[in-house]
Amino acid sequence: LVHDPGTESAVRGAGHEEGLDGTNAEVLFWAADY
């Protein structure tokens, strides 16, 4: 959840609409944290 100066957006997950398949688990973890 911590971002460097100049980073515009915290939102992640774009391109992962296919569903959780094991390769995008970090996106799930970020979403649960955020």
PDB file of all heavy atoms in Angstrom:
ATOM      1  N   LEU A   1       0.799  -1.219   0.000  1.00  0.00           N
ATOM      2  CA  LEU A   1       0.000   0.000   0.000  1.00  0.00           C
ATOM      3  C   LEU A   1       0.834   1.274   0.000  1.00  0.00           C
ATOM      4  O   LEU A   1       0.278   2.373  -0.065  1.00  0.00           O
ATOM      5  CB  LEU A   1      -0.944   0.012   1.208  1.00  0.00           C
ATOM      6  CG  LEU A   1      -1.907  -1.174   1.332  1.00  0.00           C
ATOM      7  CD1 LEU A   1      -2.858  -0.947   2.498  1.00  0.00           C
ATOM      8  CD2 LEU A   1      -2.682  -1.403   0.037  1.00  0.00           C
ATOM      9  N   VAL A   2       2.145   1.163   0.092  1.00  0.00           N
ATOM     10  CA  VAL A   2       3.023   2.337   0.145  1.00  0.00           C
ATOM     11  C   VAL A   2       3.621   2.577  -1.236  1.00  0.00           C
ATOM     12  O   VAL A   2       4.155   1.658  -1.870  1.00  0.00           O
ATOM     13  CB  VAL A   2       4.141   2.144   1.188  1.00  0.00           C
ATOM     14  CG1 VAL A   2       5.108   3.324   1.158  1.00  0.00           C
ATOM     15  CG2 VAL A   2       3.538   1.986   2.578  1.00  0.00           C
ATOM     16  N   HIS A   3       3.526   3.823  -1.686  1.00  0.00           N
ATOM     17  CA  HIS A   3       3.948   4.176  -3.037  1.00  0.00           C
ATOM     18  C   HIS A   3       4.953   5.322  -3.012  1.00  0.00           C
ATOM     19  O   HIS A   3       4.902   6.193  -2.149  1.00  0.00           O
ATOM     20  CB  HIS A   3       2.733   4.572  -3.879  1.00  0.00           C
ATOM     21  CG  HIS A   3       1.721   3.475  -3.987  1.00  0.00           C
ATOM     22  ND1 HIS A   3       1.705   2.560  -5.009  1.00  0.00           N
ATOM     23  CD2 HIS A   3       0.693   3.150  -3.160  1.00  0.00           C
ATOM     24  CE1 HIS A   3       0.707   1.710  -4.821  1.00  0.00           C
ATOM     25  NE2 HIS A   3       0.088   2.049  -3.712  1.00  0.00           N
ATOM     26  N   ASP A   4       5.837   5.311  -3.986  1.00  0.00           N
ATOM     27  CA  ASP A   4       6.858   6.350  -4.098  1.00  0.00           C
ATOM     28  C   ASP A   4       6.258   7.646  -4.630  1.00  0.00           C
ATOM     29  O   ASP A   4       5.198   7.634  -5.277  1.00  0.00           O
ATOM     30  CB  ASP A   4       7.971   5.890  -5.039  1.00  0.00           C
ATOM     31  CG  ASP A   4       8.767   4.738  -4.461  1.00  0.00           C
ATOM     32  OD1 ASP A   4       8.873   4.675  -3.222  1.00  0.00           O
ATOM     33  OD2 ASP A   4       9.251   3.906  -5.249  1.00  0.00           O
ATOM     34  N   PRO A   5       6.919   8.761  -4.396  1.00  0.00           N
ATOM     35  CA  PRO A   5       6.449  10.035  -4.959  1.00  0.00           C
ATOM     36  C   PRO A   5       6.314   9.937  -6.478  1.00  0.00           C
ATOM     37  O   PRO A   5       7.133   9.289  -7.147  1.00  0.00           O
ATOM     38  CB  PRO A   5       7.554  11.021  -4.570  1.00  0.00           C
ATOM     39  CG  PRO A   5       8.214  10.412  -3.379  1.00  0.00           C
ATOM     40  CD  PRO A   5       8.139   8.920  -3.594  1.00  0.00           C
ATOM     41  N   GLY A   6       5.283  10.543  -7.013  1.00  0.00           N
ATOM     42  CA  GLY A   6       5.073  10.545  -8.460  1.00  0.00           C
ATOM     43  C   GLY A   6       4.206   9.420  -8.963  1.00  0.00           C
ATOM     44  O   GLY A   6       3.740   9.456 -10.109  1.00  0.00           O
ATOM     45  N   THR A   7       3.987   8.404  -8.158  1.00  0.00           N
ATOM     46  CA  THR A   7       3.075   7.330  -8.556  1.00  0.00           C
ATOM     47  C   THR A   7       1.657   7.876  -8.537  1.00  0.00           C
ATOM     48  O   THR A   7       1.215   8.443  -7.541  1.00  0.00           O
ATOM     49  CB  THR A   7       3.184   6.136  -7.599  1.00  0.00           C
ATOM     50  OG1 THR A   7       4.554   5.753  -7.504  1.00  0.00           O
ATOM     51  CG2 THR A   7       2.360   4.968  -8.104  1.00  0.00           C
ATOM     52  N   GLU A   8       0.926   7.711  -9.627  1.00  0.00           N
ATOM     53  CA  GLU A   8      -0.368   8.367  -9.743  1.00  0.00           C
ATOM     54  C   GLU A   8      -1.515   7.558  -9.148  1.00  0.00           C
ATOM     55  O   GLU A   8      -2.450   8.108  -8.608  1.00  0.00           O
ATOM     56  CB  GLU A   8      -0.680   8.658 -11.223  1.00  0.00           C
ATOM     57  CG  GLU A   8       0.254   9.688 -11.843  1.00  0.00           C
ATOM     58  CD  GLU A   8       0.157  11.043 -11.155  1.00  0.00           C
ATOM     59  OE1 GLU A   8      -0.960  11.421 -10.746  1.00  0.00           O
ATOM     60  OE2 GLU A   8       1.192  11.709 -11.008  1.00  0.00           O
ATOM     61  N   SER A   9      -1.456   6.243  -9.287  1.00  0.00           N
ATOM     62  CA  SER A   9      -2.615   5.447  -8.887  1.00  0.00           C
ATOM     63  C   SER A   9      -2.183   4.225  -8.103  1.00  0.00           C
ATOM     64  O   SER A   9      -1.147   3.623  -8.367  1.00  0.00           O
ATOM     65  CB  SER A   9      -3.411   4.996 -10.122  1.00  0.00           C
ATOM     66  OG  SER A   9      -4.456   4.131  -9.760  1.00  0.00           O
ATOM     67  N   ALA A  10      -3.020   3.857  -7.140  1.00  0.00           N
ATOM     68  CA  ALA A  10      -2.758   2.648  -6.360  1.00  0.00           C
ATOM     69  C   ALA A  10      -3.458   1.437  -6.950  1.00  0.00           C
ATOM     70  O   ALA A  10      -3.216   0.307  -6.550  1.00  0.00           O
ATOM     71  CB  ALA A  10      -3.245   2.850  -4.923  1.00  0.00           C
ATOM     72  N   VAL A  11      -4.374   1.645  -7.905  1.00  0.00           N
ATOM     73  CA  VAL A  11      -5.248   0.572  -8.368  1.00  0.00           C
ATOM     74  C   VAL A  11      -4.478  -0.415  -9.228  1.00  0.00           C
ATOM     75  O   VAL A  11      -3.776  -0.032 -10.160  1.00  0.00           O
ATOM     76  CB  VAL A  11      -6.445   1.140  -9.148  1.00  0.00           C
ATOM     77  CG1 VAL A  11      -7.323   0.016  -9.683  1.00  0.00           C
ATOM     78  CG2 VAL A  11      -7.254   2.054  -8.246  1.00  0.00           C
ATOM     79  N   ARG A  12      -4.649  -1.677  -8.920  1.00  0.00           N
ATOM     80  CA  ARG A  12      -4.051  -2.759  -9.688  1.00  0.00           C
ATOM     81  C   ARG A  12      -5.159  -3.701 -10.139  1.00  0.00           C
ATOM     82  O   ARG A  12      -6.298  -3.577  -9.747  1.00  0.00           O
ATOM     83  CB  ARG A  12      -3.027  -3.530  -8.857  1.00  0.00           C
ATOM     84  CG  ARG A  12      -1.967  -2.634  -8.242  1.00  0.00           C
ATOM     85  CD  ARG A  12      -0.994  -3.455  -7.417  1.00  0.00           C
ATOM     86  NE  ARG A  12      -0.107  -2.575  -6.652  1.00  0.00           N
ATOM     87  CZ  ARG A  12       0.796  -3.009  -5.800  1.00  0.00           C
ATOM     88  NH1 ARG A  12       0.949  -4.296  -5.591  1.00  0.00           N
ATOM     89  NH2 ARG A  12       1.565  -2.156  -5.138  1.00  0.00           N
ATOM     90  N   GLY A  13      -4.795  -4.671 -10.944  1.00  0.00           N
ATOM     91  CA  GLY A  13      -5.769  -5.690 -11.332  1.00  0.00           C
ATOM     92  C   GLY A  13      -6.209  -5.611 -12.772  1.00  0.00           C
ATOM     93  O   GLY A  13      -6.891  -6.490 -13.255  1.00  0.00           O
ATOM     94  N   ALA A  14      -5.856  -4.541 -13.509  1.00  0.00           N
ATOM     95  CA  ALA A  14      -6.245  -4.462 -14.903  1.00  0.00           C
ATOM     96  C   ALA A  14      -5.627  -5.621 -15.679  1.00  0.00           C
ATOM     97  O   ALA A  14      -4.470  -5.977 -15.499  1.00  0.00           O
ATOM     98  CB  ALA A  14      -5.786  -3.135 -15.497  1.00  0.00           C
ATOM     99  N   GLY A  15      -6.414  -6.231 -16.547  1.00  0.00           N
ATOM    100  CA  GLY A  15      -5.911  -7.346 -17.336  1.00  0.00           C
ATOM    101  C   GLY A  15      -6.054  -8.684 -16.653  1.00  0.00           C
ATOM    102  O   GLY A  15      -5.631  -9.700 -17.186  1.00  0.00           O
ATOM    103  N   HIS A  16      -6.663  -8.709 -15.459  1.00  0.00           N
ATOM    104  CA  HIS A  16      -6.812  -9.975 -14.742  1.00  0.00           C
ATOM    105  C   HIS A  16      -8.276 -10.391 -14.662  1.00  0.00           C
ATOM    106  O   HIS A  16      -8.676 -11.116 -13.767  1.00  0.00           O
ATOM    107  CB  HIS A  16      -6.233  -9.855 -13.332  1.00  0.00           C
ATOM    108  CG  HIS A  16      -4.756  -9.640 -13.316  1.00  0.00           C
ATOM    109  ND1 HIS A  16      -3.846 -10.660 -13.449  1.00  0.00           N
ATOM    110  CD2 HIS A  16      -4.028  -8.500 -13.216  1.00  0.00           C
ATOM    111  CE1 HIS A  16      -2.606 -10.161 -13.397  1.00  0.00           C
ATOM    112  NE2 HIS A  16      -2.699  -8.857 -13.265  1.00  0.00           N
ATOM    113  N   GLU A  17      -9.079  -9.917 -15.617  1.00  0.00           N
ATOM    114  CA  GLU A  17     -10.498 -10.226 -15.585  1.00  0.00           C
ATOM    115  C   GLU A  17     -10.793 -11.704 -15.825  1.00  0.00           C
ATOM    116  O   GLU A  17     -11.903 -12.162 -15.630  1.00  0.00           O
ATOM    117  CB  GLU A  17     -11.236  -9.381 -16.641  1.00  0.00           C
ATOM    118  CG  GLU A  17     -11.283  -7.887 -16.332  1.00  0.00           C
ATOM    119  CD  GLU A  17     -10.020  -7.148 -16.711  1.00  0.00           C
ATOM    120  OE1 GLU A  17      -9.066  -7.802 -17.164  1.00  0.00           O
ATOM    121  OE2 GLU A  17      -9.989  -5.920 -16.544  1.00  0.00           O
ATOM    122  N   GLU A  18      -9.751 -12.451 -16.286  1.00  0.00           N
ATOM    123  CA  GLU A  18     -10.001 -13.854 -16.578  1.00  0.00           C
ATOM    124  C   GLU A  18     -10.229 -14.682 -15.327  1.00  0.00           C
ATOM    125  O   GLU A  18     -10.684 -15.810 -15.397  1.00  0.00           O
ATOM    126  CB  GLU A  18      -8.820 -14.446 -17.374  1.00  0.00           C
ATOM    127  CG  GLU A  18      -7.551 -14.677 -16.557  1.00  0.00           C
ATOM    128  CD  GLU A  18      -6.706 -13.426 -16.384  1.00  0.00           C
ATOM    129  OE1 GLU A  18      -7.141 -12.358 -16.834  1.00  0.00           O
ATOM    130  OE2 GLU A  18      -5.619 -13.532 -15.796  1.00  0.00           O
ATOM    131  N   GLY A  19      -9.918 -14.167 -14.169  1.00  0.00           N
ATOM    132  CA  GLY A  19     -10.155 -14.902 -12.936  1.00  0.00           C
ATOM    133  C   GLY A  19      -8.865 -15.380 -12.312  1.00  0.00           C
ATOM    134  O   GLY A  19      -7.795 -15.383 -12.926  1.00  0.00           O
ATOM    135  N   LEU A  20      -8.959 -15.800 -11.079  1.00  0.00           N
ATOM    136  CA  LEU A  20      -7.774 -16.210 -10.338  1.00  0.00           C
ATOM    137  C   LEU A  20      -7.318 -17.586 -10.810  1.00  0.00           C
ATOM    138  O   LEU A  20      -8.040 -18.562 -10.706  1.00  0.00           O
ATOM    139  CB  LEU A  20      -8.091 -16.236  -8.846  1.00  0.00           C
ATOM    140  CG  LEU A  20      -6.920 -16.505  -7.929  1.00  0.00           C
ATOM    141  CD1 LEU A  20      -5.929 -15.351  -7.990  1.00  0.00           C
ATOM    142  CD2 LEU A  20      -7.394 -16.698  -6.507  1.00  0.00           C
ATOM    143  N   ASP A  21      -6.120 -17.652 -11.359  1.00  0.00           N
ATOM    144  CA  ASP A  21      -5.617 -18.928 -11.877  1.00  0.00           C
ATOM    145  C   ASP A  21      -4.284 -19.313 -11.250  1.00  0.00           C
ATOM    146  O   ASP A  21      -3.611 -20.216 -11.713  1.00  0.00           O
ATOM    147  CB  ASP A  21      -5.478 -18.859 -13.403  1.00  0.00           C
ATOM    148  CG  ASP A  21      -4.522 -17.751 -13.847  1.00  0.00           C
ATOM    149  OD1 ASP A  21      -3.880 -17.137 -12.973  1.00  0.00           O
ATOM    150  OD2 ASP A  21      -4.427 -17.526 -15.065  1.00  0.00           O
ATOM    151  N   GLY A  22      -3.863 -18.596 -10.201  1.00  0.00           N
ATOM    152  CA  GLY A  22      -2.610 -18.907  -9.552  1.00  0.00           C
ATOM    153  C   GLY A  22      -1.488 -17.980  -9.965  1.00  0.00           C
ATOM    154  O   GLY A  22      -0.521 -17.810  -9.245  1.00  0.00           O
ATOM    155  N   THR A  23      -1.609 -17.350 -11.159  1.00  0.00           N
ATOM    156  CA  THR A  23      -0.555 -16.459 -11.620  1.00  0.00           C
ATOM    157  C   THR A  23      -0.770 -15.031 -11.150  1.00  0.00           C
ATOM    158  O   THR A  23       0.151 -14.222 -11.206  1.00  0.00           O
ATOM    159  CB  THR A  23      -0.487 -16.464 -13.157  1.00  0.00           C
ATOM    160  OG1 THR A  23      -1.726 -15.956 -13.685  1.00  0.00           O
ATOM    161  CG2 THR A  23      -0.253 -17.868 -13.679  1.00  0.00           C
ATOM    162  N   ASN A  24      -1.962 -14.712 -10.725  1.00  0.00           N
ATOM    163  CA  ASN A  24      -2.253 -13.337 -10.312  1.00  0.00           C
ATOM    164  C   ASN A  24      -2.688 -13.278  -8.850  1.00  0.00           C
ATOM    165  O   ASN A  24      -3.480 -12.423  -8.464  1.00  0.00           O
ATOM    166  CB  ASN A  24      -3.316 -12.706 -11.215  1.00  0.00           C
ATOM    167  CG  ASN A  24      -4.545 -13.588 -11.362  1.00  0.00           C
ATOM    168  OD1 ASN A  24      -4.700 -14.551 -10.623  1.00  0.00           O
ATOM    169  ND2 ASN A  24      -5.405 -13.275 -12.300  1.00  0.00           N
ATOM    170  N   ALA A  25      -2.167 -14.200  -8.046  1.00  0.00           N
ATOM    171  CA  ALA A  25      -2.523 -14.219  -6.628  1.00  0.00           C
ATOM    172  C   ALA A  25      -2.115 -12.928  -5.937  1.00  0.00           C
ATOM    173  O   ALA A  25      -2.815 -12.456  -5.035  1.00  0.00           O
ATOM    174  CB  ALA A  25      -1.869 -15.421  -5.939  1.00  0.00           C
ATOM    175  N   GLU A  26      -0.994 -12.324  -6.374  1.00  0.00           N
ATOM    176  CA  GLU A  26      -0.551 -11.082  -5.736  1.00  0.00           C
ATOM    177  C   GLU A  26      -1.556  -9.959  -5.936  1.00  0.00           C
ATOM    178  O   GLU A  26      -1.688  -9.081  -5.087  1.00  0.00           O
ATOM    179  CB  GLU A  26       0.818 -10.669  -6.277  1.00  0.00           C
ATOM    180  CG  GLU A  26       1.974 -11.402  -5.633  1.00  0.00           C
ATOM    181  CD  GLU A  26       2.023 -11.192  -4.115  1.00  0.00           C
ATOM    182  OE1 GLU A  26       1.732 -10.074  -3.656  1.00  0.00           O
ATOM    183  OE2 GLU A  26       2.345 -12.150  -3.396  1.00  0.00           O
ATOM    184  N   VAL A  27      -2.260  -9.986  -7.066  1.00  0.00           N
ATOM    185  CA  VAL A  27      -3.301  -8.982  -7.282  1.00  0.00           C
ATOM    186  C   VAL A  27      -4.422  -9.183  -6.264  1.00  0.00           C
ATOM    187  O   VAL A  27      -4.959  -8.222  -5.702  1.00  0.00           O
ATOM    188  CB  VAL A  27      -3.851  -9.055  -8.720  1.00  0.00           C
ATOM    189  CG1 VAL A  27      -5.001  -8.070  -8.909  1.00  0.00           C
ATOM    190  CG2 VAL A  27      -2.741  -8.778  -9.729  1.00  0.00           C
ATOM    191  N   LEU A  28      -4.783 -10.428  -6.024  1.00  0.00           N
ATOM    192  CA  LEU A  28      -5.798 -10.730  -5.013  1.00  0.00           C
ATOM    193  C   LEU A  28      -5.348 -10.260  -3.638  1.00  0.00           C
ATOM    194  O   LEU A  28      -6.131  -9.652  -2.894  1.00  0.00           O
ATOM    195  CB  LEU A  28      -6.089 -12.228  -4.991  1.00  0.00           C
ATOM    196  CG  LEU A  28      -7.051 -12.714  -3.895  1.00  0.00           C
ATOM    197  CD1 LEU A  28      -8.441 -12.120  -4.081  1.00  0.00           C
ATOM    198  CD2 LEU A  28      -7.119 -14.231  -3.874  1.00  0.00           C
ATOM    199  N   PHE A  29      -4.092 -10.503  -3.303  1.00  0.00           N
ATOM    200  CA  PHE A  29      -3.586 -10.094  -1.996  1.00  0.00           C
ATOM    201  C   PHE A  29      -3.604  -8.575  -1.863  1.00  0.00           C
ATOM    202  O   PHE A  29      -3.967  -8.034  -0.813  1.00  0.00           O
ATOM    203  CB  PHE A  29      -2.166 -10.630  -1.779  1.00  0.00           C
ATOM    204  CG  PHE A  29      -2.051 -12.127  -1.853  1.00  0.00           C
ATOM    205  CD1 PHE A  29      -0.835 -12.736  -2.153  1.00  0.00           C
ATOM    206  CD2 PHE A  29      -3.162 -12.939  -1.631  1.00  0.00           C
ATOM    207  CE1 PHE A  29      -0.728 -14.117  -2.222  1.00  0.00           C
ATOM    208  CE2 PHE A  29      -3.065 -14.335  -1.698  1.00  0.00           C
ATOM    209  CZ  PHE A  29      -1.849 -14.906  -2.005  1.00  0.00           C
ATOM    210  N   TRP A  30      -3.181  -7.886  -2.953  1.00  0.00           N
ATOM    211  CA  TRP A  30      -3.248  -6.424  -2.923  1.00  0.00           C
ATOM    212  C   TRP A  30      -4.692  -5.948  -2.732  1.00  0.00           C
ATOM    213  O   TRP A  30      -4.960  -5.061  -1.922  1.00  0.00           O
ATOM    214  CB  TRP A  30      -2.680  -5.828  -4.216  1.00  0.00           C
ATOM    215  CG  TRP A  30      -3.044  -4.382  -4.331  1.00  0.00           C
ATOM    216  CD1 TRP A  30      -2.410  -3.329  -3.750  1.00  0.00           C
ATOM    217  CD2 TRP A  30      -4.169  -3.835  -5.019  1.00  0.00           C
ATOM    218  NE1 TRP A  30      -3.074  -2.155  -4.038  1.00  0.00           N
ATOM    219  CE2 TRP A  30      -4.155  -2.442  -4.811  1.00  0.00           C
ATOM    220  CE3 TRP A  30      -5.194  -4.395  -5.797  1.00  0.00           C
ATOM    221  CZ2 TRP A  30      -5.123  -1.591  -5.361  1.00  0.00           C
ATOM    222  CZ3 TRP A  30      -6.157  -3.556  -6.341  1.00  0.00           C
ATOM    223  CH2 TRP A  30      -6.114  -2.171  -6.118  1.00  0.00           C
ATOM    224  N   ALA A  31      -5.634  -6.537  -3.466  1.00  0.00           N
ATOM    225  CA  ALA A  31      -7.034  -6.108  -3.387  1.00  0.00           C
ATOM    226  C   ALA A  31      -7.603  -6.317  -1.990  1.00  0.00           C
ATOM    227  O   ALA A  31      -8.342  -5.469  -1.463  1.00  0.00           O
ATOM    228  CB  ALA A  31      -7.866  -6.876  -4.415  1.00  0.00           C
ATOM    229  N   ALA A  32      -7.242  -7.436  -1.347  1.00  0.00           N
ATOM    230  CA  ALA A  32      -7.716  -7.703   0.010  1.00  0.00           C
ATOM    231  C   ALA A  32      -7.116  -6.713   0.990  1.00  0.00           C
ATOM    232  O   ALA A  32      -7.764  -6.321   1.972  1.00  0.00           O
ATOM    233  CB  ALA A  32      -7.368  -9.132   0.413  1.00  0.00           C
ATOM    234  N   ASP A  33      -5.886  -6.286   0.746  1.00  0.00           N
ATOM    235  CA  ASP A  33      -5.204  -5.335   1.619  1.00  0.00           C
ATOM    236  C   ASP A  33      -5.724  -3.913   1.401  1.00  0.00           C
ATOM    237  O   ASP A  33      -5.970  -3.161   2.353  1.00  0.00           O
ATOM    238  CB  ASP A  33      -3.699  -5.387   1.338  1.00  0.00           C
ATOM    239  CG  ASP A  33      -2.854  -5.000   2.553  1.00  0.00           C
ATOM    240  OD1 ASP A  33      -3.417  -4.788   3.645  1.00  0.00           O
ATOM    241  OD2 ASP A  33      -1.616  -4.912   2.404  1.00  0.00           O
ATOM    242  N   TYR A  34      -5.922  -3.556   0.161  1.00  0.00           N
ATOM    243  CA  TYR A  34      -6.351  -2.208  -0.200  1.00  0.00           C
ATOM    244  C   TYR A  34      -7.835  -1.981   0.118  1.00  0.00           C
ATOM    245  O   TYR A  34      -8.265  -0.865   0.401  1.00  0.00           O
ATOM    246  CB  TYR A  34      -6.098  -1.992  -1.692  1.00  0.00           C
ATOM    247  CG  TYR A  34      -6.485  -0.642  -2.223  1.00  0.00           C
ATOM    248  CD1 TYR A  34      -5.616   0.440  -2.140  1.00  0.00           C
ATOM    249  CD2 TYR A  34      -7.720  -0.444  -2.842  1.00  0.00           C
ATOM    250  CE1 TYR A  34      -5.965   1.689  -2.652  1.00  0.00           C
ATOM    251  CE2 TYR A  34      -8.080   0.794  -3.353  1.00  0.00           C
ATOM    252  CZ  TYR A  34      -7.205   1.856  -3.250  1.00  0.00           C
ATOM    253  OH  TYR A  34      -7.560   3.085  -3.755  1.00  0.00           O
TER     254      TYR A  34
END
